[in-house]
PDB file of N, CA and C in Angstrom:
ATOM      1  N   MET A   1     -72.386  84.769  80.979  1.00  0.00           N
ATOM      2  CA  MET A   1     -73.542  85.273  81.991  1.00  0.00           C
ATOM      3  C   MET A   1     -74.387  84.266  82.787  1.00  0.00           C
ATOM      4  N   ILE A   2     -74.643  84.349  84.191  1.00  0.00           N
ATOM      5  CA  ILE A   2     -74.846  83.261  84.566  1.00  0.00           C
ATOM      6  C   ILE A   2     -76.587  83.823  84.810  1.00  0.00           C
ATOM      7  N   SER A   3     -77.630  83.272  84.062  1.00  0.00           N
ATOM      8  CA  SER A   3     -78.937  83.255  84.231  1.00  0.00           C
ATOM      9  C   SER A   3     -79.457  83.246  85.515  1.00  0.00           C
ATOM     10  N   VAL A   4     -80.219  83.898  86.253  1.00  0.00           N
ATOM     11  CA  VAL A   4     -80.949  83.540  87.371  1.00  0.00           C
ATOM     12  C   VAL A   4     -82.050  83.075  87.306  1.00  0.00           C
ATOM     13  N   VAL A   5     -82.938  83.338  86.254  1.00  0.00           N
ATOM     14  CA  VAL A   5     -84.140  82.609  85.652  1.00  0.00           C
ATOM     15  C   VAL A   5     -83.453  81.395  84.948  1.00  0.00           C
ATOM     16  N   ASP A   6     -84.437  80.375  85.472  1.00  0.00           N
ATOM     17  CA  ASP A   6     -84.184  79.113  84.509  1.00  0.00           C
ATOM     18  C   ASP A   6     -85.480  78.700  83.910  1.00  0.00           C
ATOM     19  N   ASN A   7     -85.832  78.868  82.967  1.00  0.00           N
ATOM     20  CA  ASN A   7     -87.316  78.646  82.428  1.00  0.00           C
ATOM     21  C   ASN A   7     -87.534  77.135  82.336  1.00  0.00           C
ATOM     22  N   ASN A   8     -86.091  76.257  81.986  1.00  0.00           N
ATOM     23  CA  ASN A   8     -86.480  74.815  81.939  1.00  0.00           C
ATOM     24  C   ASN A   8     -87.347  74.461  83.545  1.00  0.00           C
ATOM     25  N   LEU A   9     -86.749  75.191  84.811  1.00  0.00           N
ATOM     26  CA  LEU A   9     -87.101  74.840  86.166  1.00  0.00           C
ATOM     27  C   LEU A   9     -88.533  75.107  86.186  1.00  0.00           C
ATOM     28  N   THR A  10     -88.746  76.519  85.404  1.00  0.00           N
ATOM     29  CA  THR A  10     -90.207  77.046  85.917  1.00  0.00           C
ATOM     30  C   THR A  10     -91.023  75.991  85.182  1.00  0.00           C
ATOM     31  N   ALA A  11     -90.867  75.710  83.683  1.00  0.00           N
ATOM     32  CA  ALA A  11     -91.713  74.964  83.185  1.00  0.00           C
ATOM     33  C   ALA A  11     -92.082  73.347  83.692  1.00  0.00           C
ATOM     34  N   LEU A  12     -91.018  73.062  84.092  1.00  0.00           N
ATOM     35  CA  LEU A  12     -90.919  71.566  85.179  1.00  0.00           C
ATOM     36  C   LEU A  12     -92.095  71.755  86.118  1.00  0.00           C
ATOM     37  N   LEU A  13     -91.902  73.236  87.176  1.00  0.00           N
ATOM     38  CA  LEU A  13     -92.724  73.335  88.441  1.00  0.00           C
ATOM     39  C   LEU A  13     -94.284  73.249  87.470  1.00  0.00           C
ATOM     40  N   SER A  14     -94.429  74.009  86.301  1.00  0.00           N
ATOM     41  CA  SER A  14     -96.086  74.389  86.296  1.00  0.00           C
ATOM     42  C   SER A  14     -96.005  73.048  85.718  1.00  0.00           C
ATOM     43  N   LEU A  15     -95.243  72.213  85.290  1.00  0.00           N
ATOM     44  CA  LEU A  15     -95.869  70.859  84.734  1.00  0.00           C
ATOM     45  C   LEU A  15     -95.776  70.010  86.174  1.00  0.00           C
ATOM     46  N   ALA A  16     -95.394  69.824  86.828  1.00  0.00           N
ATOM     47  CA  ALA A  16     -95.785  69.429  88.237  1.00  0.00           C
ATOM     48  C   ALA A  16     -96.964  70.155  88.737  1.00  0.00           C
ATOM     49  N   LEU A  17     -97.172  71.230  88.692  1.00  0.00           N
ATOM     50  CA  LEU A  17     -98.314  71.708  89.977  1.00  0.00           C
ATOM     51  C   LEU A  17     -99.530  71.037  89.025  1.00  0.00           C
ATOM     52  N   ASP A  18     -99.090  71.225  87.473  1.00  0.00           N
ATOM     53  CA  ASP A  18    -100.660  70.872  87.102  1.00  0.00           C
ATOM     54  C   ASP A  18    -100.774  68.833  86.978  1.00  0.00           C
ATOM     55  N   ALA A  19     -99.844  68.403  87.272  1.00  0.00           N
ATOM     56  CA  ALA A  19    -100.390  67.343  87.620  1.00  0.00           C
ATOM     57  C   ALA A  19    -101.043  66.843  88.766  1.00  0.00           C
ATOM     58  N   ALA A  20    -100.237  67.723  90.091  1.00  0.00           N
ATOM     59  CA  ALA A  20    -100.728  67.954  91.287  1.00  0.00           C
ATOM     60  C   ALA A  20    -102.357  68.155  91.205  1.00  0.00           C
ATOM     61  N   GLN A  21    -102.534  69.050  90.714  1.00  0.00           N
ATOM     62  CA  GLN A  21    -104.036  68.995  90.403  1.00  0.00           C
ATOM     63  C   GLN A  21    -104.787  68.631  89.968  1.00  0.00           C
ATOM     64  N   MET A  22    -104.333  67.968  88.193  1.00  0.00           N
ATOM     65  CA  MET A  22    -105.195  66.876  87.930  1.00  0.00           C
ATOM     66  C   MET A  22    -105.108  66.092  88.989  1.00  0.00           C
ATOM     67  N   ARG A  23    -104.064  65.380  90.004  1.00  0.00           N
ATOM     68  CA  ARG A  23    -104.331  64.332  90.954  1.00  0.00           C
ATOM     69  C   ARG A  23    -105.158  64.403  91.601  1.00  0.00           C
ATOM     70  N   GLN A  24    -105.146  65.570  92.247  1.00  0.00           N
ATOM     71  CA  GLN A  24    -106.321  66.308  93.307  1.00  0.00           C
ATOM     72  C   GLN A  24    -107.472  65.944  92.787  1.00  0.00           C
ATOM     73  N   GLN A  25    -108.157  66.305  91.589  1.00  0.00           N
ATOM     74  CA  GLN A  25    -109.191  66.143  90.794  1.00  0.00           C
ATOM     75  C   GLN A  25    -109.348  64.548  90.642  1.00  0.00           C
ATOM     76  N   ALA A  26    -108.380  64.002  90.349  1.00  0.00           N
ATOM     77  CA  ALA A  26    -108.642  62.546  90.291  1.00  0.00           C
ATOM     78  C   ALA A  26    -109.201  61.609  91.419  1.00  0.00           C
ATOM     79  N   ILE A  27    -108.421  62.369  92.541  1.00  0.00           N
ATOM     80  CA  ILE A  27    -108.227  61.016  93.966  1.00  0.00           C
ATOM     81  C   ILE A  27    -110.275  61.766  93.906  1.00  0.00           C
ATOM     82  N   ALA A  28    -110.456  63.659  93.902  1.00  0.00           N
ATOM     83  CA  ALA A  28    -112.074  63.358  94.329  1.00  0.00           C
ATOM     84  C   ALA A  28    -112.583  62.338  93.871  1.00  0.00           C
ATOM     85  N   GLN A  29    -112.894  62.212  92.208  1.00  0.00           N
ATOM     86  CA  GLN A  29    -113.664  61.454  91.505  1.00  0.00           C
ATOM     87  C   GLN A  29    -113.658  60.188  91.869  1.00  0.00           C
ATOM     88  N   ASN A  30    -112.457  59.081  92.264  1.00  0.00           N
ATOM     89  CA  ASN A  30    -112.710  58.009  92.954  1.00  0.00           C
ATOM     90  C   ASN A  30    -112.969  58.165  94.342  1.00  0.00           C
ATOM     91  N   ILE A  31    -113.047  58.962  95.217  1.00  0.00           N
ATOM     92  CA  ILE A  31    -113.720  58.950  96.437  1.00  0.00           C
ATOM     93  C   ILE A  31    -115.263  58.975  95.961  1.00  0.00           C
ATOM     94  N   ALA A  32    -115.468  59.965  94.674  1.00  0.00           N
ATOM     95  CA  ALA A  32    -116.834  60.319  94.744  1.00  0.00           C
ATOM     96  C   ALA A  32    -117.703  59.131  94.590  1.00  0.00           C
ATOM     97  N   ASN A  33    -116.977  58.323  93.545  1.00  0.00           N
ATOM     98  CA  ASN A  33    -117.292  56.855  93.171  1.00  0.00           C
ATOM     99  C   ASN A  33    -117.185  55.682  93.778  1.00  0.00           C
ATOM    100  N   VAL A  34    -116.602  55.843  95.554  1.00  0.00           N
ATOM    101  CA  VAL A  34    -115.945  54.368  95.775  1.00  0.00           C
ATOM    102  C   VAL A  34    -117.334  52.979  96.341  1.00  0.00           C
ATOM    103  N   ASN A  35    -118.947  54.369  95.959  1.00  0.00           N
ATOM    104  CA  ASN A  35    -119.139  52.579  95.672  1.00  0.00           C
ATOM    105  C   ASN A  35    -120.219  52.602  95.156  1.00  0.00           C
ATOM    106  N   THR A  36    -119.301  53.098  93.718  1.00  0.00           N
ATOM    107  CA  THR A  36    -120.433  52.591  92.232  1.00  0.00           C
ATOM    108  C   THR A  36    -119.749  51.808  91.553  1.00  0.00           C
ATOM    109  N   PRO A  37    -120.877  50.644  91.686  1.00  0.00           N
ATOM    110  CA  PRO A  37    -120.239  49.295  91.161  1.00  0.00           C
ATOM    111  C   PRO A  37    -119.993  49.273  89.628  1.00  0.00           C
ATOM    112  N   GLY A  38    -118.410  48.652  89.305  1.00  0.00           N
ATOM    113  CA  GLY A  38    -118.006  48.558  88.152  1.00  0.00           C
ATOM    114  C   GLY A  38    -117.162  50.028  87.828  1.00  0.00           C
ATOM    115  N   TYR A  39    -117.016  50.975  88.700  1.00  0.00           N
ATOM    116  CA  TYR A  39    -116.137  52.201  88.646  1.00  0.00           C
ATOM    117  C   TYR A  39    -114.607  51.498  88.337  1.00  0.00           C
ATOM    118  N   ARG A  40    -113.799  52.444  87.657  1.00  0.00           N
ATOM    119  CA  ARG A  40    -112.559  51.836  87.110  1.00  0.00           C
ATOM    120  C   ARG A  40    -111.670  52.957  87.757  1.00  0.00           C
ATOM    121  N   ARG A  41    -110.951  52.933  88.710  1.00  0.00           N
ATOM    122  CA  ARG A  41    -110.228  53.817  89.268  1.00  0.00           C
ATOM    123  C   ARG A  41    -109.370  54.966  88.001  1.00  0.00           C
ATOM    124  N   VAL A  42    -108.916  56.424  88.606  1.00  0.00           N
ATOM    125  CA  VAL A  42    -108.731  56.997  87.658  1.00  0.00           C
ATOM    126  C   VAL A  42    -107.387  57.482  88.436  1.00  0.00           C
ATOM    127  N   SER A  43    -106.353  57.995  87.986  1.00  0.00           N
ATOM    128  CA  SER A  43    -104.606  57.971  88.257  1.00  0.00           C
ATOM    129  C   SER A  43    -104.399  58.750  87.331  1.00  0.00           C
ATOM    130  N   VAL A  44    -103.285  59.203  87.756  1.00  0.00           N
ATOM    131  CA  VAL A  44    -102.117  60.522  86.771  1.00  0.00           C
ATOM    132  C   VAL A  44    -101.240  60.022  86.695  1.00  0.00           C
ATOM    133  N   SER A  45    -100.410  59.927  85.581  1.00  0.00           N
ATOM    134  CA  SER A  45     -99.202  59.455  85.188  1.00  0.00           C
ATOM    135  C   SER A  45     -98.614  60.862  85.041  1.00  0.00           C
ATOM    136  N   PHE A  46     -97.584  61.051  85.813  1.00  0.00           N
ATOM    137  CA  PHE A  46     -95.832  62.127  85.432  1.00  0.00           C
ATOM    138  C   PHE A  46     -95.270  62.133  85.705  1.00  0.00           C
ATOM    139  N   GLU A  47     -94.802  61.210  87.224  1.00  0.00           N
ATOM    140  CA  GLU A  47     -93.824  61.320  87.264  1.00  0.00           C
ATOM    141  C   GLU A  47     -92.886  59.933  86.909  1.00  0.00           C
ATOM    142  N   GLN A  48     -93.591  58.922  86.239  1.00  0.00           N
ATOM    143  CA  GLN A  48     -93.016  58.135  85.410  1.00  0.00           C
ATOM    144  C   GLN A  48     -91.955  58.575  84.362  1.00  0.00           C
ATOM    145  N   ARG A  49     -93.147  59.510  83.445  1.00  0.00           N
ATOM    146  CA  ARG A  49     -92.370  60.022  82.579  1.00  0.00           C
ATOM    147  C   ARG A  49     -91.055  61.102  82.844  1.00  0.00           C
ATOM    148  N   ILE A  50     -91.712  61.885  84.098  1.00  0.00           N
ATOM    149  CA  ILE A  50     -90.066  62.681  84.430  1.00  0.00           C
ATOM    150  C   ILE A  50     -89.127  61.873  84.821  1.00  0.00           C
ATOM    151  N   ALA A  51     -89.064  60.714  85.611  1.00  0.00           N
ATOM    152  CA  ALA A  51     -87.943  59.535  85.409  1.00  0.00           C
ATOM    153  C   ALA A  51     -87.365  59.359  84.610  1.00  0.00           C
ATOM    154  N   GLN A  52     -87.909  59.815  83.361  1.00  0.00           N
ATOM    155  CA  GLN A  52     -87.209  58.981  82.069  1.00  0.00           C
ATOM    156  C   GLN A  52     -86.101  60.195  81.512  1.00  0.00           C
ATOM    157  N   LEU A  53     -86.519  61.447  81.941  1.00  0.00           N
ATOM    158  CA  LEU A  53     -85.614  62.943  81.877  1.00  0.00           C
ATOM    159  C   LEU A  53     -84.041  62.172  82.200  1.00  0.00           C
ATOM    160  N   THR A  54     -84.280  61.751  83.664  1.00  0.00           N
ATOM    161  CA  THR A  54     -83.247  60.946  84.538  1.00  0.00           C
ATOM    162  C   THR A  54     -82.361  60.144  83.782  1.00  0.00           C
ATOM    163  N   ARG A  55     -83.353  58.908  83.444  1.00  0.00           N
ATOM    164  CA  ARG A  55     -82.604  58.138  82.682  1.00  0.00           C
ATOM    165  C   ARG A  55     -81.574  57.849  81.442  1.00  0.00           C
ATOM    166  N   ASN A  56     -82.577  59.197  80.878  1.00  0.00           N
ATOM    167  CA  ASN A  56     -81.981  59.303  79.221  1.00  0.00           C
ATOM    168  C   ASN A  56     -80.662  60.176  79.843  1.00  0.00           C
ATOM    169  N   GLY A  57     -80.265  60.598  80.719  1.00  0.00           N
ATOM    170  CA  GLY A  57     -79.164  61.339  81.128  1.00  0.00           C
ATOM    171  C   GLY A  57     -79.552  62.937  80.785  1.00  0.00           C
ATOM    172  N   THR A  58     -80.430  63.391  81.009  1.00  0.00           N
ATOM    173  CA  THR A  58     -81.062  64.564  81.134  1.00  0.00           C
ATOM    174  C   THR A  58     -81.502  64.849  82.653  1.00  0.00           C
ATOM    175  N   GLY A  59     -80.794  65.055  83.817  1.00  0.00           N
ATOM    176  CA  GLY A  59     -81.164  65.070  85.089  1.00  0.00           C
ATOM    177  C   GLY A  59     -81.277  66.682  85.464  1.00  0.00           C
ATOM    178  N   SER A  60     -80.614  67.325  85.092  1.00  0.00           N
ATOM    179  CA  SER A  60     -80.998  68.525  85.413  1.00  0.00           C
ATOM    180  C   SER A  60     -81.739  69.348  84.551  1.00  0.00           C
ATOM    181  N   ALA A  61     -82.168  70.237  85.071  1.00  0.00           N
ATOM    182  CA  ALA A  61     -83.176  71.357  84.074  1.00  0.00           C
ATOM    183  C   ALA A  61     -82.544  71.900  83.153  1.00  0.00           C
ATOM    184  N   ALA A  62     -81.206  72.054  83.289  1.00  0.00           N
ATOM    185  CA  ALA A  62     -80.522  72.872  82.254  1.00  0.00           C
ATOM    186  C   ALA A  62     -80.437  72.119  81.337  1.00  0.00           C
ATOM    187  N   GLN A  63     -80.326  70.918  81.441  1.00  0.00           N
ATOM    188  CA  GLN A  63     -80.184  69.640  80.296  1.00  0.00           C
ATOM    189  C   GLN A  63     -81.688  68.987  79.677  1.00  0.00           C
ATOM    190  N   MET A  64     -82.856  69.369  80.005  1.00  0.00           N
ATOM    191  CA  MET A  64     -83.949  69.131  79.427  1.00  0.00           C
ATOM    192  C   MET A  64     -84.415  69.618  78.250  1.00  0.00           C
ATOM    193  N   PRO A  65     -84.922  68.429  77.572  1.00  0.00           N
ATOM    194  CA  PRO A  65     -85.165  68.524  75.861  1.00  0.00           C
ATOM    195  C   PRO A  65     -86.262  70.025  76.079  1.00  0.00           C
ATOM    196  N   PRO A  66     -86.189  70.853  74.685  1.00  0.00           N
ATOM    197  CA  PRO A  66     -87.392  72.293  74.591  1.00  0.00           C
ATOM    198  C   PRO A  66     -88.501  71.861  74.851  1.00  0.00           C
ATOM    199  N   ASP A  67     -88.864  70.902  74.053  1.00  0.00           N
ATOM    200  CA  ASP A  67     -90.132  70.448  73.983  1.00  0.00           C
ATOM    201  C   ASP A  67     -90.833  69.532  75.077  1.00  0.00           C
ATOM    202  N   LEU A  68     -91.510  70.131  76.342  1.00  0.00           N
ATOM    203  CA  LEU A  68     -92.133  68.914  77.316  1.00  0.00           C
ATOM    204  C   LEU A  68     -92.863  68.581  76.964  1.00  0.00           C
ATOM    205  N   SER A  69     -93.899  68.549  75.706  1.00  0.00           N
ATOM    206  CA  SER A  69     -95.214  68.412  75.635  1.00  0.00           C
ATOM    207  C   SER A  69     -95.512  66.359  75.774  1.00  0.00           C
ATOM    208  N   TYR A  70     -94.272  66.011  76.049  1.00  0.00           N
ATOM    209  CA  TYR A  70     -94.359  64.348  75.873  1.00  0.00           C
ATOM    210  C   TYR A  70     -94.446  64.107  77.502  1.00  0.00           C
ATOM    211  N   TYR A  71     -94.014  64.878  78.312  1.00  0.00           N
ATOM    212  CA  TYR A  71     -94.018  65.041  79.543  1.00  0.00           C
ATOM    213  C   TYR A  71     -95.069  65.241  80.711  1.00  0.00           C
ATOM    214  N   ARG A  72     -96.068  66.110  79.776  1.00  0.00           N
ATOM    215  CA  ARG A  72     -97.652  66.579  80.375  1.00  0.00           C
ATOM    216  C   ARG A  72     -97.930  65.350  81.412  1.00  0.00           C
ATOM    217  N   PRO A  73     -98.492  65.981  82.656  1.00  0.00           N
ATOM    218  CA  PRO A  73     -99.429  64.767  83.059  1.00  0.00           C
ATOM    219  C   PRO A  73    -100.772  64.238  82.127  1.00  0.00           C
ATOM    220  N   LYS A  74    -101.121  63.164  82.491  1.00  0.00           N
ATOM    221  CA  LYS A  74    -102.399  61.927  81.552  1.00  0.00           C
ATOM    222  C   LYS A  74    -102.810  61.556  82.526  1.00  0.00           C
ATOM    223  N   ILE A  75    -104.539  61.760  82.322  1.00  0.00           N
ATOM    224  CA  ILE A  75    -105.307  60.279  83.029  1.00  0.00           C
ATOM    225  C   ILE A  75    -105.113  59.297  82.452  1.00  0.00           C
ATOM    226  N   GLU A  76    -105.262  58.328  83.688  1.00  0.00           N
ATOM    227  CA  GLU A  76    -105.198  56.788  83.404  1.00  0.00           C
ATOM    228  C   GLU A  76    -105.979  55.943  83.742  1.00  0.00           C
ATOM    229  N   TYR A  77    -106.810  55.215  83.336  1.00  0.00           N
ATOM    230  CA  TYR A  77    -107.997  54.640  84.168  1.00  0.00           C
ATOM    231  C   TYR A  77    -107.367  53.024  84.398  1.00  0.00           C
ATOM    232  N   ALA A  78    -107.653  52.497  85.429  1.00  0.00           N
ATOM    233  CA  ALA A  78    -107.089  51.281  85.481  1.00  0.00           C
ATOM    234  C   ALA A  78    -107.779  50.558  85.000  1.00  0.00           C
ATOM    235  N   THR A  79    -107.082  49.467  84.793  1.00  0.00           N
ATOM    236  CA  THR A  79    -107.632  48.074  84.132  1.00  0.00           C
ATOM    237  C   THR A  79    -108.571  47.154  84.472  1.00  0.00           C
ATOM    238  N   GLY A  80    -108.956  47.662  85.910  1.00  0.00           N
ATOM    239  CA  GLY A  80    -110.423  46.343  86.920  1.00  0.00           C
ATOM    240  C   GLY A  80    -109.238  45.297  87.369  1.00  0.00           C
ATOM    241  N   VAL A  81    -107.968  45.411  86.903  1.00  0.00           N
ATOM    242  CA  VAL A  81    -107.661  44.091  88.149  1.00  0.00           C
ATOM    243  C   VAL A  81    -107.403  44.790  89.392  1.00  0.00           C
ATOM    244  N   GLU A  82    -106.979  46.027  89.696  1.00  0.00           N
ATOM    245  CA  GLU A  82    -106.599  46.286  90.827  1.00  0.00           C
ATOM    246  C   GLU A  82    -107.798  45.917  92.058  1.00  0.00           C
ATOM    247  N   GLY A  83    -109.117  45.996  91.947  1.00  0.00           N
ATOM    248  CA  GLY A  83    -110.263  45.658  92.359  1.00  0.00           C
ATOM    249  C   GLY A  83    -110.449  46.880  92.840  1.00  0.00           C
ATOM    250  N   PRO A  84    -112.050  47.351  93.794  1.00  0.00           N
ATOM    251  CA  PRO A  84    -112.397  48.404  93.614  1.00  0.00           C
ATOM    252  C   PRO A  84    -111.972  49.541  94.707  1.00  0.00           C
ATOM    253  N   VAL A  85    -112.141  50.682  94.636  1.00  0.00           N
ATOM    254  CA  VAL A  85    -111.415  51.658  94.879  1.00  0.00           C
ATOM    255  C   VAL A  85    -111.541  51.815  96.588  1.00  0.00           C
ATOM    256  N   GLN A  86    -110.477  52.191  97.548  1.00  0.00           N
ATOM    257  CA  GLN A  86    -110.229  51.977  98.724  1.00  0.00           C
ATOM    258  C   GLN A  86    -109.836  53.306  99.257  1.00  0.00           C
ATOM    259  N   LEU A  87    -111.485  53.545  99.978  1.00  0.00           N
ATOM    260  CA  LEU A  87    -111.666  54.754 100.663  1.00  0.00           C
ATOM    261  C   LEU A  87    -109.882  55.587 101.333  1.00  0.00           C
ATOM    262  N   ASP A  88    -109.838  54.568 102.219  1.00  0.00           N
ATOM    263  CA  ASP A  88    -108.415  55.318 103.083  1.00  0.00           C
ATOM    264  C   ASP A  88    -107.032  55.283 102.178  1.00  0.00           C
ATOM    265  N   GLN A  89    -106.924  54.725 101.185  1.00  0.00           N
ATOM    266  CA  GLN A  89    -105.940  54.895 100.315  1.00  0.00           C
ATOM    267  C   GLN A  89    -106.347  55.692  99.445  1.00  0.00           C
ATOM    268  N   GLU A  90    -107.124  56.422  99.017  1.00  0.00           N
ATOM    269  CA  GLU A  90    -107.159  57.475  98.307  1.00  0.00           C
ATOM    270  C   GLU A  90    -107.359  58.988  99.080  1.00  0.00           C
ATOM    271  N   LEU A  91    -107.651  59.043 101.013  1.00  0.00           N
ATOM    272  CA  LEU A  91    -107.352  59.784 101.737  1.00  0.00           C
ATOM    273  C   LEU A  91    -105.703  60.268 101.556  1.00  0.00           C
ATOM    274  N   ALA A  92    -105.255  58.875 101.775  1.00  0.00           N
ATOM    275  CA  ALA A  92    -103.952  59.180 102.327  1.00  0.00           C
ATOM    276  C   ALA A  92    -102.924  59.813 100.825  1.00  0.00           C
ATOM    277  N   ASP A  93    -103.393  59.113  99.938  1.00  0.00           N
ATOM    278  CA  ASP A  93    -102.826  59.361  98.134  1.00  0.00           C
ATOM    279  C   ASP A  93    -103.344  61.435  98.403  1.00  0.00           C
ATOM    280  N   MET A  94    -104.218  61.887  98.538  1.00  0.00           N
ATOM    281  CA  MET A  94    -104.825  63.426  98.727  1.00  0.00           C
ATOM    282  C   MET A  94    -104.080  64.035  99.608  1.00  0.00           C
ATOM    283  N   SER A  95    -103.763  63.610 101.011  1.00  0.00           N
ATOM    284  CA  SER A  95    -102.781  64.170 101.871  1.00  0.00           C
ATOM    285  C   SER A  95    -101.652  64.264 101.210  1.00  0.00           C
ATOM    286  N   GLU A  96    -101.073  63.363 100.991  1.00  0.00           N
ATOM    287  CA  GLU A  96     -99.662  63.691 100.247  1.00  0.00           C
ATOM    288  C   GLU A  96     -99.614  64.164  98.565  1.00  0.00           C
ATOM    289  N   THR A  97    -100.788  64.334  98.344  1.00  0.00           N
ATOM    290  CA  THR A  97    -100.675  65.228  96.982  1.00  0.00           C
ATOM    291  C   THR A  97    -100.868  67.256  97.471  1.00  0.00           C
ATOM    292  N   VAL A  98    -101.795  67.307  98.412  1.00  0.00           N
ATOM    293  CA  VAL A  98    -101.645  68.220  99.112  1.00  0.00           C
ATOM    294  C   VAL A  98    -100.246  68.722  99.864  1.00  0.00           C
ATOM    295  N   LEU A  99     -99.661  67.746 100.034  1.00  0.00           N
ATOM    296  CA  LEU A  99     -98.150  68.417 100.889  1.00  0.00           C
ATOM    297  C   LEU A  99     -97.404  68.578  99.515  1.00  0.00           C
ATOM    298  N   HIS A 100     -97.185  67.952  98.761  1.00  0.00           N
ATOM    299  CA  HIS A 100     -96.606  67.703  97.829  1.00  0.00           C
ATOM    300  C   HIS A 100     -96.920  69.345  96.282  1.00  0.00           C
ATOM    301  N   HIS A 101     -97.975  69.730  96.456  1.00  0.00           N
ATOM    302  CA  HIS A 101     -98.587  70.906  95.815  1.00  0.00           C
ATOM    303  C   HIS A 101     -98.213  71.961  96.383  1.00  0.00           C
ATOM    304  N   GLN A 102     -97.818  72.052  98.083  1.00  0.00           N
ATOM    305  CA  GLN A 102     -97.633  72.897  98.692  1.00  0.00           C
ATOM    306  C   GLN A 102     -96.085  73.310  98.584  1.00  0.00           C
ATOM    307  N   ALA A 103     -95.573  72.270  98.378  1.00  0.00           N
ATOM    308  CA  ALA A 103     -93.980  72.517  98.220  1.00  0.00           C
ATOM    309  C   ALA A 103     -93.586  72.960  96.895  1.00  0.00           C
ATOM    310  N   LEU A 104     -94.230  72.447  95.691  1.00  0.00           N
ATOM    311  CA  LEU A 104     -94.434  72.715  94.670  1.00  0.00           C
ATOM    312  C   LEU A 104     -94.305  74.295  94.336  1.00  0.00           C
ATOM    313  N   LEU A 105     -95.230  74.806  94.874  1.00  0.00           N
ATOM    314  CA  LEU A 105     -95.871  76.522  95.396  1.00  0.00           C
ATOM    315  C   LEU A 105     -94.793  77.086  95.768  1.00  0.00           C
ATOM    316  N   LYS A 106     -94.261  76.793  96.960  1.00  0.00           N
ATOM    317  CA  LYS A 106     -93.274  77.293  97.416  1.00  0.00           C
ATOM    318  C   LYS A 106     -92.235  77.176  96.713  1.00  0.00           C
ATOM    319  N   ALA A 107     -91.674  76.090  96.107  1.00  0.00           N
ATOM    320  CA  ALA A 107     -90.793  76.435  95.152  1.00  0.00           C
ATOM    321  C   ALA A 107     -90.358  77.354  93.788  1.00  0.00           C
ATOM    322  N   LEU A 108     -91.964  77.162  93.470  1.00  0.00           N
ATOM    323  CA  LEU A 108     -92.448  78.325  91.961  1.00  0.00           C
ATOM    324  C   LEU A 108     -92.045  79.715  93.193  1.00  0.00           C
ATOM    325  N   ASN A 109     -92.652  79.794  93.966  1.00  0.00           N
ATOM    326  CA  ASN A 109     -92.643  81.310  94.744  1.00  0.00           C
ATOM    327  C   ASN A 109     -90.982  81.591  95.051  1.00  0.00           C
ATOM    328  N   LYS A 110     -90.397  80.944  95.233  1.00  0.00           N
ATOM    329  CA  LYS A 110     -88.909  81.219  95.480  1.00  0.00           C
ATOM    330  C   LYS A 110     -88.285  81.682  93.689  1.00  0.00           C
ATOM    331  N   GLN A 111     -88.892  80.951  93.122  1.00  0.00           N
ATOM    332  CA  GLN A 111     -88.339  81.132  91.724  1.00  0.00           C
ATOM    333  C   GLN A 111     -88.626  82.520  91.118  1.00  0.00           C
ATOM    334  N   LEU A 112     -90.128  82.745  91.600  1.00  0.00           N
ATOM    335  CA  LEU A 112     -90.162  84.140  90.756  1.00  0.00           C
ATOM    336  C   LEU A 112     -89.871  85.759  91.617  1.00  0.00           C
ATOM    337  N   GLU A 113     -89.399  85.377  93.282  1.00  0.00           N
ATOM    338  CA  GLU A 113     -88.984  85.927  93.853  1.00  0.00           C
ATOM    339  C   GLU A 113     -87.472  86.216  93.201  1.00  0.00           C
ATOM    340  N   LEU A 114     -86.935  85.305  92.640  1.00  0.00           N
ATOM    341  CA  LEU A 114     -85.408  85.784  92.795  1.00  0.00           C
ATOM    342  C   LEU A 114     -85.555  86.165  90.758  1.00  0.00           C
ATOM    343  N   ILE A 115     -86.706  86.257  90.272  1.00  0.00           N
ATOM    344  CA  ILE A 115     -86.983  87.009  89.028  1.00  0.00           C
ATOM    345  C   ILE A 115     -87.164  88.538  89.523  1.00  0.00           C
ATOM    346  N   GLY A 116     -87.861  88.482  90.516  1.00  0.00           N
ATOM    347  CA  GLY A 116     -88.365  89.898  90.974  1.00  0.00           C
ATOM    348  C   GLY A 116     -87.155  90.458  91.680  1.00  0.00           C
ATOM    349  N   LEU A 117     -86.072  89.846  92.198  1.00  0.00           N
ATOM    350  CA  LEU A 117     -84.774  90.423  92.691  1.00  0.00           C
ATOM    351  C   LEU A 117     -83.950  91.051  91.588  1.00  0.00           C
ATOM    352  N   ALA A 118     -84.032  90.295  90.573  1.00  0.00           N
ATOM    353  CA  ALA A 118     -83.407  90.332  89.013  1.00  0.00           C
ATOM    354  C   ALA A 118     -83.888  91.693  88.699  1.00  0.00           C
ATOM    355  N   ILE A 119     -85.250  91.634  88.174  1.00  0.00           N
ATOM    356  CA  ILE A 119     -85.862  92.975  87.701  1.00  0.00           C
ATOM    357  C   ILE A 119     -85.653  94.287  88.930  1.00  0.00           C
ATOM    358  N   ASN A 120     -85.529  94.421  89.882  1.00  0.00           N
ATOM    359  CA  ASN A 120     -85.293  95.418  90.524  1.00  0.00           C
ATOM    360  C   ASN A 120     -83.917  95.645  91.163  1.00  0.00           C
ATOM    361  N   GLU A 121     -82.994  94.824  90.533  1.00  0.00           N
ATOM    362  CA  GLU A 121     -81.453  94.689  91.082  1.00  0.00           C
ATOM    363  C   GLU A 121     -81.495  94.780  92.676  1.00  0.00           C
ATOM    364  N   GLY A 122     -81.734  93.597  92.727  1.00  0.00           N
ATOM    365  CA  GLY A 122     -81.489  93.514  94.173  1.00  0.00           C
ATOM    366  C   GLY A 122     -82.334  93.779  95.174  1.00  0.00           C
ATOM    367  N   ARG A 123     -83.353  94.956  95.050  1.00  0.00           N
ATOM    368  CA  ARG A 123     -83.822  95.634  96.187  1.00  0.00           C
ATOM    369  C   ARG A 123     -85.093  94.891  96.368  1.00  0.00           C
ATOM    370  N   ARG A 124     -85.376  94.952  96.983  1.00  0.00           N
ATOM    371  CA  ARG A 124     -87.025  94.249  97.646  1.00  0.00           C
ATOM    372  C   ARG A 124     -88.221  95.094  97.614  1.00  0.00           C
TER     373      ARG A 124
END
């Protein structure tokens, strides 16, 4: 039997939403400290670890490992060699993150809509 509900996809979407939220907070922190001397830029690592799923041969949600804790988004601090925070770059990153967050919400809503259809036997 084919399952309409893909728990791995839902878990991955949830992690991606967490990463987008953390990234928005990190960018806001960077913008707030743009003129703070010695401030180290904050970023979120997520996509790099998710890309490892593809490199490891688990490119689809169905092949993902059951424990996704390694792939959770993490805050990272700049080493200091990047230079000061660039306000225009942070604002561009924020715009990109907002669009990414909206796309993720649409994907999750579609997944939840499928679940709702399955529960209601195809009736809306």
